[in-house]
Amino acid sequence: MNPVEPKGLNNIPLPCEVDENCRHNAPASHNHFLPPFLRNLKQEDIILIALILLLLLEGNDCDLLLVGILVVVFLAGLDNSF
């Protein structure tokens, strides 16, 4: 038997199957100190927060109705994430 002989596609492990010996190679999760609210923020939420902050930093020229609508959209998009 040739040691270089292919064993077939059935012997290739799936990405979701983790070997117990390889667990120490997995990247460490540093999210344990963050509150659940910040852990579940998505890219769209961060963009909305940045947009709200930029509008509020304009000072007196800020459109409060637009800021209010963006806050409502942000809160509606949280979707009970915490």
Protein backbone atom coordinates (compact mmCIF):
# COMPACT_ATOMS: atom_id res chain seq x y z
CA MET A 1 0.00 0.00 0.00
CA ASN A 2 1.34 3.39 -1.01
CA PRO A 3 1.50 5.88 1.94
CA VAL A 4 0.73 8.79 -0.44
CA GLU A 5 -2.45 7.13 -1.68
CA PRO A 6 -5.51 9.41 -1.34
CA LYS A 7 -8.03 8.27 1.27
CA GLY A 8 -11.06 9.95 -0.25
CA LEU A 9 -13.20 12.95 0.54
CA ASN A 10 -15.01 11.19 3.38
CA ASN A 11 -11.86 11.24 5.53
CA ILE A 12 -11.43 15.02 5.34
CA PRO A 13 -12.83 16.59 8.53
CA LEU A 14 -15.37 19.37 8.23
CA PRO A 15 -14.41 22.84 9.53
CA CYS A 16 -16.99 22.54 12.31
CA GLU A 17 -15.39 19.32 13.59
CA VAL A 18 -12.66 20.37 15.99
CA ASP A 19 -10.10 17.88 17.18
CA GLU A 20 -9.61 17.86 20.94
CA ASN A 21 -5.84 18.13 20.44
CA CYS A 22 -6.21 21.33 18.40
CA ARG A 23 -8.34 23.28 20.88
CA HIS A 24 -5.26 24.99 22.33
CA ASN A 25 -4.54 26.44 18.87
CA ALA A 26 -7.91 28.22 18.70
CA PRO A 27 -7.79 32.00 19.11
CA ALA A 28 -8.62 33.15 22.61
CA SER A 29 -11.90 34.97 23.07
CA HIS A 30 -11.41 38.30 24.84
CA ASN A 31 -15.10 39.22 24.78
CA HIS A 32 -15.82 37.94 28.27
CA PHE A 33 -15.28 41.36 29.86
CA LEU A 34 -17.63 43.18 27.46
CA PRO A 35 -21.30 43.56 28.37
CA PRO A 36 -23.72 41.63 26.16
CA PHE A 37 -24.94 44.87 24.60
CA LEU A 38 -21.51 45.61 23.11
CA ARG A 39 -20.80 41.98 22.16
CA ASN A 40 -23.87 41.81 19.93
CA LEU A 41 -23.33 45.06 18.00
CA LYS A 42 -23.23 44.59 14.27
CA GLN A 43 -21.63 46.72 11.60
CA GLU A 44 -24.89 48.54 10.87
CA ASP A 45 -25.32 49.41 14.56
CA ILE A 46 -21.83 50.90 14.76
CA ILE A 47 -22.48 52.97 11.62
CA LEU A 48 -25.76 54.28 13.09
CA ILE A 49 -24.07 55.19 16.39
CA ALA A 50 -21.28 57.00 14.53
CA LEU A 51 -23.81 58.87 12.39
CA ILE A 52 -25.82 59.91 15.45
CA LEU A 53 -22.67 61.12 17.21
CA LEU A 54 -21.52 63.07 14.14
CA LEU A 55 -24.90 64.77 13.88
CA LEU A 56 -24.87 65.64 17.58
CA LEU A 57 -21.35 67.09 17.31
CA GLU A 58 -22.60 69.70 14.82
CA GLY A 59 -23.96 71.71 17.72
CA ASN A 60 -26.85 74.10 17.07
CA ASP A 61 -27.06 73.19 13.38
CA CYS A 62 -28.01 69.63 14.31
CA ASP A 63 -31.33 68.31 13.00
CA LEU A 64 -32.90 66.85 16.15
CA LEU A 65 -35.74 65.20 14.23
CA LEU A 66 -33.22 63.26 12.14
CA VAL A 67 -31.27 62.27 15.26
CA GLY A 68 -34.49 61.11 16.90
CA ILE A 69 -35.43 59.01 13.87
CA LEU A 70 -31.96 57.44 13.78
CA VAL A 71 -32.16 56.62 17.49
CA VAL A 72 -35.54 54.95 16.97
CA VAL A 73 -34.14 52.95 14.02
CA PHE A 74 -31.15 51.92 16.14
CA LEU A 75 -33.32 50.83 19.06
CA ALA A 76 -35.70 48.95 16.77
CA GLY A 77 -32.76 47.12 15.22
CA LEU A 78 -31.41 45.85 18.52
CA ASP A 79 -33.85 42.96 18.30
CA ASN A 80 -33.59 41.89 21.98
CA SER A 81 -29.86 41.23 21.70
CA PHE A 82 -29.21 41.49 25.43
